[in-house]
Amino acid sequence: MPKFVSLLILGVALRAPLLAQGSDASAIRSKIVALEHVWNQAEAFRDLAALDSLFDNGLIYVDADGTLMTKAEFLSHVKAAHLQQEITQSMTVQVFGATAVATGTYTVKMFTDGRPVVHSGRFVDTWVRKDQTWVCVAAQATPLLR
């Protein structure tokens, strides 16, 4: 009987970190999804201060047209854009310790040359936990062809 109890205690002790890790991963996934939605709102409202806080200074951004941008270039791009709305769909987040990768699809409504345009695409955003804060270090958008 003591051997069974010892094995039971050992099994629970070994499983406890895994359960905590699972709940931590779930909390991280929720946090990243929330940050992605904040990003969408900040971009639609051209809130550069909010975007600045979401991105690491070393951000690497690959736009849907293949343009490679730094953080400063991306913020400048947002400032000049005529974005009305950005909606994220089908988002999933995978957690790898202090790194999380968000993938999903998006639809953007904007004005180009004075006329409304709708673009859809797929994205991959890489988030890293730095100084107790999650920041996006790399992002890439690919257009979906219809």
Protein backbone atom coordinates (compact mmCIF):
# COMPACT_ATOMS: atom_id res chain seq x y z
CA MET A 1 0.00 0.00 0.00
CA PRO A 2 2.74 2.58 0.83
CA LYS A 3 4.34 1.89 -2.55
CA PHE A 4 1.00 2.60 -4.29
CA VAL A 5 0.58 5.85 -2.31
CA SER A 6 4.14 6.88 -3.17
CA LEU A 7 3.52 6.21 -6.86
CA LEU A 8 0.23 8.10 -6.68
CA ILE A 9 1.89 11.09 -5.02
CA LEU A 10 4.74 10.96 -7.53
CA GLY A 11 2.26 10.81 -10.41
CA VAL A 12 0.33 13.82 -9.10
CA ALA A 13 3.55 15.72 -8.41
CA LEU A 14 4.84 15.11 -11.92
CA ARG A 15 1.52 15.97 -13.51
CA ALA A 16 0.94 19.20 -11.55
CA PRO A 17 3.52 21.23 -13.50
CA LEU A 18 2.02 19.95 -16.75
CA LEU A 19 -1.46 21.06 -15.66
CA ALA A 20 -0.11 24.44 -14.59
CA GLN A 21 1.79 24.68 -17.86
CA GLY A 22 -1.41 23.93 -19.77
CA SER A 23 -3.32 26.64 -17.93
CA ASP A 24 -0.38 29.04 -18.43
CA ALA A 25 -0.45 28.29 -22.16
CA SER A 26 -4.19 28.91 -22.22
CA ALA A 27 -3.75 32.25 -20.43
CA ILE A 28 -0.95 33.20 -22.83
CA ARG A 29 -3.11 32.29 -25.83
CA SER A 30 -5.91 34.50 -24.48
CA LYS A 31 -3.46 37.35 -23.90
CA ILE A 32 -2.04 37.12 -27.44
CA VAL A 33 -5.53 37.03 -28.99
CA ALA A 34 -6.40 40.16 -26.99
CA LEU A 35 -3.18 41.87 -28.13
CA GLU A 36 -3.98 40.99 -31.76
CA HIS A 37 -7.39 42.66 -31.39
CA VAL A 38 -5.79 45.71 -29.75
CA TRP A 39 -3.42 45.86 -32.74
CA ASN A 40 -6.39 45.86 -35.16
CA GLN A 41 -8.14 48.66 -33.30
CA ALA A 42 -4.98 50.72 -32.89
CA GLU A 43 -4.22 50.40 -36.59
CA ALA A 44 -7.77 51.36 -37.61
CA PHE A 45 -7.65 54.45 -35.37
CA ARG A 46 -4.01 55.24 -36.23
CA ASP A 47 -3.08 55.02 -32.56
CA LEU A 48 0.67 55.03 -33.07
CA ALA A 49 1.42 55.12 -29.33
CA ALA A 50 -0.54 51.90 -28.79
CA LEU A 51 1.13 50.25 -31.77
CA ASP A 52 4.54 51.39 -30.55
CA SER A 53 3.93 49.62 -27.24
CA LEU A 54 2.87 46.38 -28.97
CA PHE A 55 5.98 46.08 -31.15
CA ASP A 56 9.55 45.33 -30.24
CA ASN A 57 12.04 47.94 -31.48
CA GLY A 58 13.54 45.26 -33.71
CA LEU A 59 10.21 44.42 -35.38
CA ILE A 60 10.45 42.81 -38.81
CA TYR A 61 7.23 43.29 -40.78
CA VAL A 62 6.57 41.77 -44.22
CA ASP A 63 3.51 43.41 -45.80
CA ALA A 64 1.07 41.63 -48.12
CA ASP A 65 2.82 43.13 -51.15
CA GLY A 66 6.19 41.78 -49.99
CA THR A 67 7.50 45.08 -48.62
CA LEU A 68 9.92 44.56 -45.72
CA MET A 69 9.51 47.19 -42.98
CA THR A 70 11.11 48.12 -39.68
CA LYS A 71 9.01 49.25 -36.75
CA ALA A 72 9.46 52.92 -37.69
CA GLU A 73 8.56 52.21 -41.32
CA PHE A 74 5.47 50.25 -40.33
CA LEU A 75 4.28 53.01 -38.00
CA SER A 76 4.82 55.54 -40.78
CA HIS A 77 2.85 53.29 -43.14
CA VAL A 78 -0.05 53.11 -40.66
CA LYS A 79 -0.01 56.88 -40.19
CA ALA A 80 -0.39 57.40 -43.97
CA ALA A 81 -2.95 54.62 -44.56
CA HIS A 82 -6.67 55.13 -45.06
CA LEU A 83 -7.70 52.02 -43.16
CA GLN A 84 -11.30 51.91 -41.96
CA GLN A 85 -11.52 48.50 -40.36
CA GLU A 86 -9.48 45.36 -39.82
CA ILE A 87 -11.19 42.15 -38.77
CA THR A 88 -9.26 39.06 -37.68
CA GLN A 89 -10.81 35.63 -38.06
CA SER A 90 -9.85 31.99 -37.55
CA MET A 91 -7.02 32.90 -35.18
CA THR A 92 -4.95 30.27 -33.43
CA VAL A 93 -2.03 30.78 -31.07
CA GLN A 94 0.70 28.25 -30.33
CA VAL A 95 2.88 28.80 -27.29
CA PHE A 96 6.55 27.81 -27.13
CA GLY A 97 7.73 28.93 -23.69
CA ALA A 98 8.33 32.69 -23.88
CA THR A 99 7.37 32.78 -27.57
CA ALA A 100 3.91 32.63 -29.13
CA VAL A 101 2.96 32.40 -32.79
CA ALA A 102 -0.44 33.72 -33.85
CA THR A 103 -1.90 32.74 -37.22
CA GLY A 104 -5.21 33.54 -38.80
CA THR A 105 -7.01 35.36 -41.56
CA TYR A 106 -7.95 39.00 -41.81
CA THR A 107 -10.15 41.32 -43.84
CA VAL A 108 -9.20 44.97 -44.27
CA LYS A 109 -11.53 47.69 -45.46
CA MET A 110 -9.79 50.84 -46.67
CA PHE A 111 -9.82 53.65 -49.20
CA THR A 112 -7.38 53.62 -52.09
CA ASP A 113 -7.42 56.48 -54.59
CA GLY A 114 -10.70 57.67 -53.10
CA ARG A 115 -12.57 54.41 -53.54
CA PRO A 116 -13.37 51.65 -51.02
CA VAL A 117 -11.26 48.49 -51.29
CA VAL A 118 -11.46 45.22 -49.37
CA HIS A 119 -8.40 42.95 -48.97
CA SER A 120 -8.27 39.54 -47.33
CA GLY A 121 -5.20 37.68 -46.23
CA ARG A 122 -3.48 35.31 -43.87
CA PHE A 123 -1.03 36.41 -41.18
CA VAL A 124 1.70 34.98 -38.99
CA ASP A 125 2.74 37.10 -35.99
CA THR A 126 5.51 36.11 -33.58
CA TRP A 127 5.29 37.41 -30.01
CA VAL A 128 8.02 37.22 -27.36
CA ARG A 129 7.74 37.83 -23.65
CA LYS A 130 10.25 40.53 -22.62
CA ASP A 131 10.37 42.17 -19.20
CA GLN A 132 6.98 40.69 -18.22
CA THR A 133 5.37 42.12 -21.40
CA TRP A 134 4.46 40.46 -24.68
CA VAL A 135 5.74 42.26 -27.79
CA CYS A 136 5.48 41.39 -31.46
CA VAL A 137 8.93 40.81 -32.98
CA ALA A 138 7.94 39.61 -36.45
CA ALA A 139 4.80 39.80 -38.56
CA GLN A 140 3.96 38.69 -42.07
CA ALA A 141 0.82 39.08 -44.19
CA THR A 142 -0.05 37.13 -47.33
CA PRO A 143 -2.97 38.07 -49.57
CA LEU A 144 -5.70 35.49 -50.13
CA LEU A 145 -6.58 35.27 -53.79
CA ARG A 146 -10.23 34.81 -54.61
